[in-house]
Amino acid sequence: MHIAIAGNIGSGKTTLTSLLAKHFNWEPHFEDVDTNPYLNSFYEDMQRWSFNLQIYFLNSRFRQVVKIRKSNVTVVQDRTIYEDAYIFAPNLHSMNLMSTRDFENYRSLFDLMSTFIQPPDLLIYLRASVPTLVNQIQKRGRDYENAIRLDYLKNLNEMYEDWIENYKLGKLLIVDVDTVKFSERPEDLGSVIDQVNAQLHGLF
């Protein structure tokens, strides 16, 4: 099976991916952050590097999904290919940080790629307010994230909500990160695990 975790920057995707992988003995697939050659450049000059970054992510996530579906193990994935196409790239375009020409080229490529992949068996969406996101981003202290603007996070949150409201590709579980502190409280993690079990296997 393929379980995917979606959510804005700083919502706790990597943490929950690790916790679920450990509990269920699933194979974790993490976002390609540390080896991504464009991230630093992107946060320094978003307009110049937005298209390059999105193409890099599209390629990386497409390869991930193909690999997941070929494997015979259950995988939990940190972020999906859909978030780039429906949230990050359109947001960059709407903020005039990606040209219409580049955006249309990107979406055309995504539309083609998406015909070759299956959606996740379960999507877990981590919903978080901007203050929660900022707090968690500051806690992990990645240098290149210091330049992230509040309006950028706010716009992403709005686009996430629109996407989730219309998500019809498969099973969906929404976790409110403002109140469910799965990284700090074992009982909250237990609650998320129970909900994941119910989604995947039914209540009984």
N, C-alpha and C. Protein backbone atom coordinates (compact mmCIF):
# COMPACT_ATOMS: atom_id res chain seq x y z
N MET A 1 0.83 -1.21 0.00
CA MET A 1 0.00 0.00 0.00
C MET A 1 0.86 1.26 0.00
N HIS A 2 0.25 2.33 -0.42
CA HIS A 2 0.93 3.62 -0.51
C HIS A 2 0.16 4.63 0.35
N ILE A 3 0.78 5.07 1.44
CA ILE A 3 0.21 6.10 2.30
C ILE A 3 1.03 7.36 2.09
N ALA A 4 0.39 8.48 1.86
CA ALA A 4 1.10 9.73 1.62
C ALA A 4 0.67 10.79 2.62
N ILE A 5 1.64 11.61 3.04
CA ILE A 5 1.35 12.68 4.00
C ILE A 5 1.55 14.02 3.32
N ALA A 6 0.49 14.83 3.34
CA ALA A 6 0.49 16.13 2.69
C ALA A 6 0.37 17.24 3.73
N GLY A 7 0.91 18.41 3.38
CA GLY A 7 0.78 19.54 4.30
C GLY A 7 1.79 20.62 3.98
N ASN A 8 1.51 21.80 4.48
CA ASN A 8 2.34 22.97 4.22
C ASN A 8 3.74 22.81 4.83
N ILE A 9 4.64 23.71 4.49
CA ILE A 9 6.00 23.73 5.04
C ILE A 9 5.91 23.88 6.55
N GLY A 10 6.52 22.95 7.29
CA GLY A 10 6.51 23.04 8.74
C GLY A 10 5.32 22.40 9.43
N SER A 11 4.47 21.68 8.69
CA SER A 11 3.27 21.09 9.30
C SER A 11 3.56 19.79 10.04
N GLY A 12 4.75 19.21 9.82
CA GLY A 12 5.10 17.98 10.54
C GLY A 12 5.09 16.72 9.71
N LYS A 13 5.16 16.86 8.39
CA LYS A 13 5.10 15.70 7.49
C LYS A 13 6.22 14.69 7.75
N THR A 14 7.44 15.21 7.84
CA THR A 14 8.60 14.32 8.01
C THR A 14 8.53 13.60 9.35
N THR A 15 8.11 14.33 10.39
CA THR A 15 7.98 13.75 11.73
C THR A 15 6.95 12.64 11.73
N LEU A 16 5.77 12.90 11.16
CA LEU A 16 4.71 11.88 11.16
C LEU A 16 5.09 10.70 10.27
N THR A 17 5.76 10.96 9.16
CA THR A 17 6.24 9.88 8.30
C THR A 17 7.13 8.93 9.10
N SER A 18 8.06 9.49 9.86
CA SER A 18 8.99 8.68 10.68
C SER A 18 8.24 7.90 11.75
N LEU A 19 7.30 8.57 12.42
CA LEU A 19 6.56 7.91 13.52
C LEU A 19 5.68 6.77 13.02
N LEU A 20 4.99 6.98 11.90
CA LEU A 20 4.13 5.93 11.33
C LEU A 20 4.97 4.77 10.78
N ALA A 21 6.08 5.10 10.15
CA ALA A 21 6.98 4.06 9.61
C ALA A 21 7.47 3.16 10.74
N LYS A 22 7.83 3.78 11.86
CA LYS A 22 8.34 3.03 13.01
C LYS A 22 7.23 2.16 13.62
N HIS A 23 6.05 2.73 13.79
CA HIS A 23 4.95 2.00 14.43
C HIS A 23 4.46 0.82 13.58
N PHE A 24 4.23 1.07 12.29
CA PHE A 24 3.64 0.05 11.42
C PHE A 24 4.69 -0.80 10.70
N ASN A 25 5.96 -0.45 10.88
CA ASN A 25 7.05 -1.11 10.15
C ASN A 25 6.89 -0.91 8.64
N TRP A 26 6.52 0.33 8.27
CA TRP A 26 6.42 0.70 6.87
C TRP A 26 7.75 1.27 6.40
N GLU A 27 7.93 1.30 5.09
CA GLU A 27 9.15 1.90 4.53
C GLU A 27 8.91 3.40 4.30
N PRO A 28 9.72 4.27 4.93
CA PRO A 28 9.50 5.71 4.73
C PRO A 28 10.19 6.22 3.47
N HIS A 29 9.52 7.10 2.75
CA HIS A 29 10.12 7.80 1.62
C HIS A 29 10.06 9.29 1.92
N PHE A 30 11.22 9.92 2.10
CA PHE A 30 11.26 11.31 2.51
C PHE A 30 11.45 12.25 1.33
N GLU A 31 11.04 13.50 1.56
CA GLU A 31 11.23 14.53 0.54
C GLU A 31 12.72 14.78 0.34
N ASP A 32 13.09 15.03 -0.89
CA ASP A 32 14.50 15.22 -1.25
C ASP A 32 14.91 16.67 -0.93
N VAL A 33 15.19 16.93 0.36
CA VAL A 33 15.51 18.29 0.79
C VAL A 33 17.01 18.53 0.85
N ASP A 34 17.72 17.66 1.54
CA ASP A 34 19.15 17.89 1.78
C ASP A 34 20.00 17.84 0.51
N THR A 35 19.57 17.03 -0.47
CA THR A 35 20.36 16.90 -1.70
C THR A 35 19.78 17.71 -2.86
N ASN A 36 18.74 18.49 -2.59
CA ASN A 36 18.11 19.27 -3.65
C ASN A 36 19.03 20.44 -4.05
N PRO A 37 19.50 20.48 -5.29
CA PRO A 37 20.47 21.50 -5.69
C PRO A 37 19.86 22.89 -5.92
N TYR A 38 18.54 23.00 -5.86
CA TYR A 38 17.89 24.28 -6.18
C TYR A 38 17.31 25.03 -4.98
N LEU A 39 17.13 24.35 -3.83
CA LEU A 39 16.40 24.98 -2.73
C LEU A 39 17.03 26.27 -2.24
N ASN A 40 18.31 26.26 -1.95
CA ASN A 40 18.97 27.47 -1.47
C ASN A 40 18.82 28.61 -2.47
N SER A 41 19.07 28.32 -3.73
CA SER A 41 18.96 29.34 -4.78
C SER A 41 17.54 29.87 -4.88
N PHE A 42 16.56 28.95 -4.75
CA PHE A 42 15.16 29.33 -4.86
C PHE A 42 14.77 30.34 -3.78
N TYR A 43 15.14 30.05 -2.54
CA TYR A 43 14.75 30.96 -1.45
C TYR A 43 15.49 32.30 -1.53
N GLU A 44 16.62 32.33 -2.22
CA GLU A 44 17.35 33.58 -2.41
C GLU A 44 16.77 34.40 -3.56
N ASP A 45 16.27 33.71 -4.60
CA ASP A 45 15.71 34.40 -5.76
C ASP A 45 14.62 33.51 -6.37
N MET A 46 13.40 33.64 -5.81
CA MET A 46 12.30 32.75 -6.19
C MET A 46 11.94 32.87 -7.67
N GLN A 47 11.94 34.09 -8.16
CA GLN A 47 11.53 34.29 -9.56
C GLN A 47 12.47 33.59 -10.53
N ARG A 48 13.75 33.68 -10.25
CA ARG A 48 14.75 33.08 -11.15
C ARG A 48 14.70 31.56 -11.13
N TRP A 49 14.46 30.95 -9.96
CA TRP A 49 14.65 29.51 -9.81
C TRP A 49 13.37 28.70 -9.62
N SER A 50 12.21 29.35 -9.66
CA SER A 50 10.95 28.64 -9.38
C SER A 50 10.68 27.50 -10.35
N PHE A 51 10.85 27.75 -11.64
CA PHE A 51 10.57 26.71 -12.63
C PHE A 51 11.53 25.53 -12.48
N ASN A 52 12.82 25.84 -12.31
CA ASN A 52 13.83 24.79 -12.14
C ASN A 52 13.51 23.92 -10.92
N LEU A 53 13.15 24.56 -9.82
CA LEU A 53 12.83 23.84 -8.59
C LEU A 53 11.63 22.92 -8.79
N GLN A 54 10.58 23.45 -9.41
CA GLN A 54 9.36 22.65 -9.59
C GLN A 54 9.60 21.47 -10.54
N ILE A 55 10.39 21.65 -11.56
CA ILE A 55 10.72 20.54 -12.46
C ILE A 55 11.53 19.47 -11.73
N TYR A 56 12.45 19.93 -10.89
CA TYR A 56 13.25 18.99 -10.10
C TYR A 56 12.35 18.16 -9.20
N PHE A 57 11.42 18.82 -8.50
CA PHE A 57 10.51 18.10 -7.60
C PHE A 57 9.60 17.15 -8.39
N LEU A 58 9.11 17.60 -9.52
CA LEU A 58 8.23 16.77 -10.35
C LEU A 58 8.93 15.49 -10.75
N ASN A 59 10.14 15.61 -11.22
CA ASN A 59 10.94 14.45 -11.61
C ASN A 59 11.19 13.53 -10.42
N SER A 60 11.61 14.13 -9.31
CA SER A 60 11.93 13.37 -8.11
C SER A 60 10.71 12.59 -7.58
N ARG A 61 9.56 13.27 -7.53
CA ARG A 61 8.36 12.61 -6.97
C ARG A 61 7.78 11.58 -7.94
N PHE A 62 7.86 11.85 -9.23
CA PHE A 62 7.40 10.87 -10.21
C PHE A 62 8.20 9.57 -10.07
N ARG A 63 9.51 9.71 -9.94
CA ARG A 63 10.38 8.53 -9.75
C ARG A 63 10.01 7.80 -8.46
N GLN A 64 9.72 8.58 -7.41
CA GLN A 64 9.33 7.99 -6.13
C GLN A 64 8.07 7.14 -6.26
N VAL A 65 7.05 7.71 -6.89
CA VAL A 65 5.76 7.01 -7.01
C VAL A 65 5.90 5.74 -7.85
N VAL A 66 6.66 5.82 -8.94
CA VAL A 66 6.90 4.64 -9.79
C VAL A 66 7.59 3.54 -8.96
N LYS A 67 8.58 3.95 -8.17
CA LYS A 67 9.31 3.00 -7.32
C LYS A 67 8.40 2.39 -6.26
N ILE A 68 7.55 3.22 -5.66
CA ILE A 68 6.62 2.75 -4.61
C ILE A 68 5.69 1.68 -5.18
N ARG A 69 5.13 1.95 -6.35
CA ARG A 69 4.16 1.02 -6.93
C ARG A 69 4.82 -0.28 -7.43
N LYS A 70 6.10 -0.22 -7.71
CA LYS A 70 6.81 -1.44 -8.14
C LYS A 70 7.22 -2.30 -6.95
N SER A 71 7.32 -1.69 -5.78
CA SER A 71 7.80 -2.43 -4.59
C SER A 71 6.67 -3.29 -4.02
N ASN A 72 7.03 -4.27 -3.23
CA ASN A 72 6.05 -5.15 -2.61
C ASN A 72 5.88 -4.85 -1.12
N VAL A 73 6.23 -3.62 -0.73
CA VAL A 73 6.11 -3.25 0.68
C VAL A 73 5.16 -2.06 0.81
N THR A 74 4.66 -1.83 2.03
CA THR A 74 3.84 -0.65 2.28
C THR A 74 4.76 0.53 2.55
N VAL A 75 4.50 1.62 1.84
CA VAL A 75 5.35 2.81 1.92
C VAL A 75 4.55 3.99 2.45
N VAL A 76 5.18 4.76 3.34
CA VAL A 76 4.60 6.04 3.77
C VAL A 76 5.49 7.15 3.21
N GLN A 77 4.87 8.06 2.46
CA GLN A 77 5.61 9.06 1.69
C GLN A 77 5.40 10.46 2.25
N ASP A 78 6.51 11.17 2.40
CA ASP A 78 6.52 12.57 2.86
C ASP A 78 6.30 13.48 1.65
N ARG A 79 5.11 14.03 1.53
CA ARG A 79 4.64 14.91 0.45
C ARG A 79 4.37 14.17 -0.85
N THR A 80 3.38 14.67 -1.59
CA THR A 80 2.91 14.01 -2.82
C THR A 80 3.25 14.82 -4.06
N ILE A 81 3.15 14.17 -5.19
CA ILE A 81 3.37 14.82 -6.48
C ILE A 81 2.28 15.86 -6.77
N TYR A 82 1.09 15.65 -6.17
CA TYR A 82 -0.06 16.52 -6.44
C TYR A 82 0.11 17.91 -5.82
N GLU A 83 0.82 17.96 -4.68
CA GLU A 83 0.98 19.24 -3.99
C GLU A 83 1.77 20.24 -4.83
N ASP A 84 2.76 19.77 -5.53
CA ASP A 84 3.53 20.67 -6.40
C ASP A 84 2.64 21.23 -7.51
N ALA A 85 1.85 20.35 -8.11
CA ALA A 85 1.05 20.74 -9.28
C ALA A 85 -0.16 21.60 -8.91
N TYR A 86 -0.79 21.31 -7.77
CA TYR A 86 -2.02 22.01 -7.41
C TYR A 86 -1.82 23.14 -6.40
N ILE A 87 -0.65 23.18 -5.77
CA ILE A 87 -0.42 24.19 -4.73
C ILE A 87 0.82 25.03 -4.99
N PHE A 88 2.00 24.40 -5.01
CA PHE A 88 3.24 25.17 -5.07
C PHE A 88 3.44 25.89 -6.40
N ALA A 89 3.29 25.19 -7.50
CA ALA A 89 3.47 25.83 -8.81
C ALA A 89 2.40 26.90 -9.08
N PRO A 90 1.10 26.62 -8.85
CA PRO A 90 0.10 27.67 -9.06
C PRO A 90 0.32 28.88 -8.15
N ASN A 91 0.78 28.63 -6.92
CA ASN A 91 1.04 29.74 -6.00
C ASN A 91 2.17 30.63 -6.52
N LEU A 92 3.23 29.99 -7.01
CA LEU A 92 4.35 30.76 -7.58
C LEU A 92 3.88 31.57 -8.79
N HIS A 93 3.01 30.97 -9.58
CA HIS A 93 2.47 31.66 -10.76
C HIS A 93 1.61 32.84 -10.34
N SER A 94 0.75 32.63 -9.34
CA SER A 94 -0.15 33.71 -8.89
C SER A 94 0.60 34.86 -8.23
N MET A 95 1.78 34.56 -7.66
CA MET A 95 2.60 35.61 -7.02
C MET A 95 3.58 36.24 -8.02
N ASN A 96 3.40 35.91 -9.32
CA ASN A 96 4.29 36.41 -10.38
C ASN A 96 5.74 35.99 -10.17
N LEU A 97 5.92 34.83 -9.55
CA LEU A 97 7.27 34.29 -9.35
C LEU A 97 7.58 33.19 -10.36
N MET A 98 6.55 32.83 -11.17
CA MET A 98 6.76 31.91 -12.29
C MET A 98 5.95 32.45 -13.46
N SER A 99 6.58 32.53 -14.62
CA SER A 99 5.88 33.09 -15.79
C SER A 99 4.77 32.15 -16.24
N THR A 100 3.80 32.70 -16.93
CA THR A 100 2.68 31.89 -17.47
C THR A 100 3.21 30.83 -18.42
N ARG A 101 4.18 31.20 -19.23
CA ARG A 101 4.78 30.24 -20.17
C ARG A 101 5.38 29.05 -19.43
N ASP A 102 6.16 29.31 -18.37
CA ASP A 102 6.77 28.23 -17.59
C ASP A 102 5.71 27.40 -16.86
N PHE A 103 4.71 28.08 -16.31
CA PHE A 103 3.67 27.39 -15.56
C PHE A 103 2.88 26.44 -16.48
N GLU A 104 2.53 26.91 -17.66
CA GLU A 104 1.77 26.06 -18.59
C GLU A 104 2.61 24.88 -19.06
N ASN A 105 3.89 25.10 -19.26
CA ASN A 105 4.81 24.02 -19.63
C ASN A 105 4.86 22.98 -18.51
N TYR A 106 5.00 23.47 -17.28
CA TYR A 106 5.05 22.58 -16.12
C TYR A 106 3.76 21.76 -15.99
N ARG A 107 2.61 22.43 -16.07
CA ARG A 107 1.33 21.73 -15.90
C ARG A 107 1.09 20.70 -17.01
N SER A 108 1.52 21.02 -18.21
CA SER A 108 1.39 20.07 -19.32
C SER A 108 2.19 18.80 -19.03
N LEU A 109 3.38 18.98 -18.51
CA LEU A 109 4.23 17.84 -18.16
C LEU A 109 3.61 17.03 -17.02
N PHE A 110 3.11 17.72 -15.99
CA PHE A 110 2.45 17.03 -14.87
C PHE A 110 1.22 16.25 -15.36
N ASP A 111 0.40 16.88 -16.17
CA ASP A 111 -0.83 16.22 -16.67
C ASP A 111 -0.49 14.92 -17.39
N LEU A 112 0.58 14.93 -18.17
CA LEU A 112 1.02 13.72 -18.85
C LEU A 112 1.51 12.68 -17.85
N MET A 113 2.38 13.09 -16.93
CA MET A 113 2.94 12.16 -15.92
C MET A 113 1.84 11.53 -15.06
N SER A 114 0.85 12.33 -14.70
CA SER A 114 -0.19 11.83 -13.78
C SER A 114 -1.02 10.71 -14.39
N THR A 115 -1.02 10.59 -15.71
CA THR A 115 -1.75 9.49 -16.35
C THR A 115 -1.03 8.15 -16.17
N PHE A 116 0.24 8.19 -15.75
CA PHE A 116 1.03 6.97 -15.60
C PHE A 116 1.13 6.50 -14.15
N ILE A 117 0.53 7.24 -13.21
CA ILE A 117 0.67 6.87 -11.79
C ILE A 117 -0.69 6.68 -11.13
N GLN A 118 -0.67 5.91 -10.04
CA GLN A 118 -1.86 5.73 -9.23
C GLN A 118 -1.78 6.65 -8.01
N PRO A 119 -2.92 7.18 -7.56
CA PRO A 119 -2.90 8.01 -6.35
C PRO A 119 -2.67 7.14 -5.11
N PRO A 120 -2.32 7.75 -3.98
CA PRO A 120 -2.10 6.96 -2.76
C PRO A 120 -3.37 6.28 -2.28
N ASP A 121 -3.20 5.16 -1.57
CA ASP A 121 -4.35 4.45 -1.00
C ASP A 121 -4.97 5.25 0.14
N LEU A 122 -4.13 6.02 0.82
CA LEU A 122 -4.62 6.92 1.88
C LEU A 122 -3.78 8.19 1.86
N LEU A 123 -4.46 9.34 1.84
CA LEU A 123 -3.79 10.62 1.96
C LEU A 123 -4.07 11.19 3.35
N ILE A 124 -3.01 11.53 4.08
CA ILE A 124 -3.14 12.17 5.38
C ILE A 124 -2.77 13.63 5.22
N TYR A 125 -3.73 14.53 5.49
CA TYR A 125 -3.47 15.96 5.34
C TYR A 125 -3.27 16.58 6.72
N LEU A 126 -2.12 17.22 6.90
CA LEU A 126 -1.81 17.90 8.16
C LEU A 126 -2.20 19.37 8.04
N ARG A 127 -3.30 19.72 8.70
CA ARG A 127 -3.81 21.10 8.65
C ARG A 127 -3.18 21.89 9.79
N ALA A 128 -2.61 23.05 9.47
CA ALA A 128 -1.96 23.87 10.51
C ALA A 128 -2.12 25.35 10.19
N SER A 129 -2.32 26.16 11.23
CA SER A 129 -2.38 27.61 11.05
C SER A 129 -0.98 28.16 10.79
N VAL A 130 -0.91 29.38 10.27
CA VAL A 130 0.39 29.99 9.98
C VAL A 130 1.26 30.13 11.23
N PRO A 131 0.72 30.57 12.40
CA PRO A 131 1.57 30.63 13.60
C PRO A 131 2.19 29.29 13.98
N THR A 132 1.43 28.21 13.84
CA THR A 132 1.96 26.87 14.12
C THR A 132 3.08 26.53 13.13
N LEU A 133 2.87 26.83 11.86
CA LEU A 133 3.89 26.57 10.85
C LEU A 133 5.18 27.33 11.15
N VAL A 134 5.04 28.62 11.47
CA VAL A 134 6.20 29.46 11.75
C VAL A 134 6.97 28.92 12.96
N ASN A 135 6.23 28.55 14.00
CA ASN A 135 6.85 28.01 15.21
C ASN A 135 7.66 26.76 14.91
N GLN A 136 7.09 25.86 14.11
CA GLN A 136 7.76 24.60 13.80
C GLN A 136 8.93 24.79 12.82
N ILE A 137 8.80 25.75 11.92
CA ILE A 137 9.91 26.07 11.00
C ILE A 137 11.09 26.62 11.79
N GLN A 138 10.79 27.51 12.74
CA GLN A 138 11.87 28.10 13.56
C GLN A 138 12.55 27.05 14.43
N LYS A 139 11.77 26.09 14.93
CA LYS A 139 12.32 25.04 15.79
C LYS A 139 13.37 24.21 15.06
N ARG A 140 13.13 23.89 13.78
CA ARG A 140 14.06 23.00 13.09
C ARG A 140 15.26 23.75 12.52
N GLY A 141 15.15 25.06 12.38
CA GLY A 141 16.31 25.90 12.11
C GLY A 141 17.07 25.64 10.82
N ARG A 142 16.34 25.40 9.71
CA ARG A 142 17.03 25.29 8.42
C ARG A 142 17.33 26.69 7.89
N ASP A 143 18.59 26.95 7.59
CA ASP A 143 19.02 28.30 7.19
C ASP A 143 18.21 28.86 6.02
N TYR A 144 18.01 28.03 4.99
CA TYR A 144 17.36 28.54 3.78
C TYR A 144 15.89 28.87 4.01
N GLU A 145 15.30 28.35 5.12
CA GLU A 145 13.88 28.64 5.39
C GLU A 145 13.68 29.96 6.14
N ASN A 146 14.77 30.58 6.58
CA ASN A 146 14.66 31.86 7.30
C ASN A 146 14.05 32.96 6.44
N ALA A 147 14.18 32.80 5.12
CA ALA A 147 13.70 33.85 4.20
C ALA A 147 12.24 33.64 3.79
N ILE A 148 11.59 32.59 4.27
CA ILE A 148 10.19 32.34 3.87
C ILE A 148 9.30 33.45 4.41
N ARG A 149 8.47 34.01 3.53
CA ARG A 149 7.60 35.11 3.90
C ARG A 149 6.26 34.60 4.42
N LEU A 150 5.67 35.37 5.35
CA LEU A 150 4.38 34.98 5.93
C LEU A 150 3.28 34.92 4.88
N ASP A 151 3.29 35.86 3.92
CA ASP A 151 2.25 35.85 2.89
C ASP A 151 2.39 34.61 2.01
N TYR A 152 3.62 34.14 1.84
CA TYR A 152 3.86 32.92 1.07
C TYR A 152 3.21 31.72 1.77
N LEU A 153 3.42 31.58 3.08
CA LEU A 153 2.81 30.48 3.85
C LEU A 153 1.29 30.59 3.86
N LYS A 154 0.79 31.81 4.01
CA LYS A 154 -0.66 32.04 4.05
C LYS A 154 -1.31 31.64 2.72
N ASN A 155 -0.69 32.07 1.62
CA ASN A 155 -1.21 31.70 0.29
C ASN A 155 -1.22 30.19 0.10
N LEU A 156 -0.12 29.54 0.53
CA LEU A 156 -0.05 28.08 0.41
C LEU A 156 -1.16 27.41 1.21
N ASN A 157 -1.40 27.90 2.43
CA ASN A 157 -2.46 27.33 3.27
C ASN A 157 -3.81 27.41 2.58
N GLU A 158 -4.09 28.55 1.98
CA GLU A 158 -5.39 28.72 1.29
C GLU A 158 -5.51 27.75 0.12
N MET A 159 -4.42 27.56 -0.60
CA MET A 159 -4.45 26.64 -1.75
C MET A 159 -4.56 25.18 -1.30
N TYR A 160 -3.92 24.86 -0.17
CA TYR A 160 -4.07 23.51 0.40
C TYR A 160 -5.53 23.23 0.73
N GLU A 161 -6.18 24.19 1.38
CA GLU A 161 -7.58 24.00 1.78
C GLU A 161 -8.47 23.79 0.57
N ASP A 162 -8.24 24.56 -0.50
CA ASP A 162 -9.02 24.40 -1.74
C ASP A 162 -8.80 23.01 -2.34
N TRP A 163 -7.55 22.57 -2.36
CA TRP A 163 -7.22 21.27 -2.93
C TRP A 163 -7.87 20.14 -2.14
N ILE A 164 -7.75 20.21 -0.81
CA ILE A 164 -8.30 19.15 0.04
C ILE A 164 -9.82 19.09 -0.05
N GLU A 165 -10.45 20.25 -0.15
CA GLU A 165 -11.91 20.32 -0.25
C GLU A 165 -12.40 19.58 -1.49
N ASN A 166 -11.58 19.58 -2.54
CA ASN A 166 -11.98 18.95 -3.80
C ASN A 166 -11.27 17.62 -4.07
N TYR A 167 -10.55 17.11 -3.06
CA TYR A 167 -9.77 15.87 -3.26
C TYR A 167 -10.72 14.66 -3.36
N LYS A 168 -10.64 13.95 -4.48
CA LYS A 168 -11.55 12.81 -4.71
C LYS A 168 -10.78 11.58 -5.22
N LEU A 169 -9.45 11.59 -5.08
CA LEU A 169 -8.65 10.51 -5.67
C LEU A 169 -8.62 9.24 -4.81
N GLY A 170 -9.00 9.36 -3.54
CA GLY A 170 -8.94 8.18 -2.66
C GLY A 170 -9.30 8.56 -1.23
N LYS A 171 -8.96 7.67 -0.30
CA LYS A 171 -9.28 7.91 1.11
C LYS A 171 -8.47 9.09 1.65
N LEU A 172 -9.12 9.86 2.55
CA LEU A 172 -8.51 11.07 3.09
C LEU A 172 -8.70 11.14 4.60
N LEU A 173 -7.61 11.43 5.30
CA LEU A 173 -7.66 11.65 6.76
C LEU A 173 -7.06 13.02 7.03
N ILE A 174 -7.81 13.87 7.75
CA ILE A 174 -7.33 15.22 8.08
C ILE A 174 -6.94 15.27 9.56
N VAL A 175 -5.72 15.73 9.83
CA VAL A 175 -5.22 15.87 11.20
C VAL A 175 -4.98 17.35 11.48
N ASP A 176 -5.61 17.88 12.53
CA ASP A 176 -5.44 19.28 12.90
C ASP A 176 -4.21 19.43 13.79
N VAL A 177 -3.12 19.92 13.21
CA VAL A 177 -1.84 19.98 13.90
C VAL A 177 -1.81 21.04 15.01
N ASP A 178 -2.73 22.01 14.94
CA ASP A 178 -2.80 23.03 16.01
C ASP A 178 -3.17 22.39 17.35
N THR A 179 -3.97 21.33 17.30
CA THR A 179 -4.44 20.71 18.54
C THR A 179 -3.89 19.29 18.76
N VAL A 180 -3.57 18.59 17.67
CA VAL A 180 -3.07 17.21 17.78
C VAL A 180 -1.54 17.24 17.71
N LYS A 181 -0.89 17.17 18.87
CA LYS A 181 0.58 17.29 18.96
C LYS A 181 1.20 15.89 18.97
N PHE A 182 1.18 15.23 17.81
CA PHE A 182 1.63 13.83 17.74
C PHE A 182 3.12 13.65 18.01
N SER A 183 3.89 14.73 17.85
CA SER A 183 5.34 14.62 18.11
C SER A 183 5.66 14.78 19.60
N GLU A 184 4.72 15.34 20.36
CA GLU A 184 4.97 15.62 21.78
C GLU A 184 4.16 14.74 22.72
N ARG A 185 2.94 14.38 22.31
CA ARG A 185 2.05 13.64 23.22
C ARG A 185 1.76 12.24 22.67
N PRO A 186 2.20 11.20 23.37
CA PRO A 186 1.96 9.82 22.91
C PRO A 186 0.48 9.52 22.67
N GLU A 187 -0.40 10.11 23.50
CA GLU A 187 -1.84 9.84 23.34
C GLU A 187 -2.36 10.43 22.01
N ASP A 188 -1.78 11.56 21.59
CA ASP A 188 -2.20 12.15 20.32
C ASP A 188 -1.71 11.30 19.14
N LEU A 189 -0.48 10.79 19.25
CA LEU A 189 0.02 9.89 18.22
C LEU A 189 -0.84 8.63 18.16
N GLY A 190 -1.22 8.11 19.32
CA GLY A 190 -2.08 6.92 19.39
C GLY A 190 -3.40 7.16 18.69
N SER A 191 -3.95 8.36 18.85
CA SER A 191 -5.22 8.71 18.20
C SER A 191 -5.06 8.73 16.68
N VAL A 192 -3.96 9.29 16.19
CA VAL A 192 -3.71 9.32 14.74
C VAL A 192 -3.55 7.90 14.21
N ILE A 193 -2.81 7.06 14.94
CA ILE A 193 -2.60 5.66 14.53
C ILE A 193 -3.93 4.92 14.45
N ASP A 194 -4.81 5.14 15.43
CA ASP A 194 -6.15 4.51 15.43
C ASP A 194 -6.94 4.94 14.19
N GLN A 195 -6.86 6.23 13.86
CA GLN A 195 -7.59 6.74 12.69
C GLN A 195 -7.03 6.19 11.38
N VAL A 196 -5.71 6.04 11.33
CA VAL A 196 -5.08 5.45 10.13
C VAL A 196 -5.54 4.00 9.97
N ASN A 197 -5.53 3.26 11.07
CA ASN A 197 -6.00 1.86 11.05
C ASN A 197 -7.44 1.77 10.56
N ALA A 198 -8.28 2.68 11.07
CA ALA A 198 -9.70 2.67 10.69
C ALA A 198 -9.87 2.95 9.19
N GLN A 199 -9.08 3.88 8.68
CA GLN A 199 -9.16 4.23 7.26
C GLN A 199 -8.71 3.05 6.37
N LEU A 200 -7.64 2.38 6.79
CA LEU A 200 -7.04 1.33 5.96
C LEU A 200 -7.76 -0.01 6.10
N HIS A 201 -8.25 -0.29 7.30
CA HIS A 201 -8.76 -1.64 7.58
C HIS A 201 -10.20 -1.67 8.09
N GLY A 202 -10.85 -0.51 8.18
CA GLY A 202 -12.18 -0.49 8.77
C GLY A 202 -12.11 -0.41 10.27
N LEU A 203 -13.22 -0.21 10.91
CA LEU A 203 -13.24 0.00 12.37
C LEU A 203 -13.04 -1.28 13.15
N PHE A 204 -13.35 -2.43 12.54
CA PHE A 204 -13.27 -3.69 13.31
C PHE A 204 -12.33 -4.69 12.64
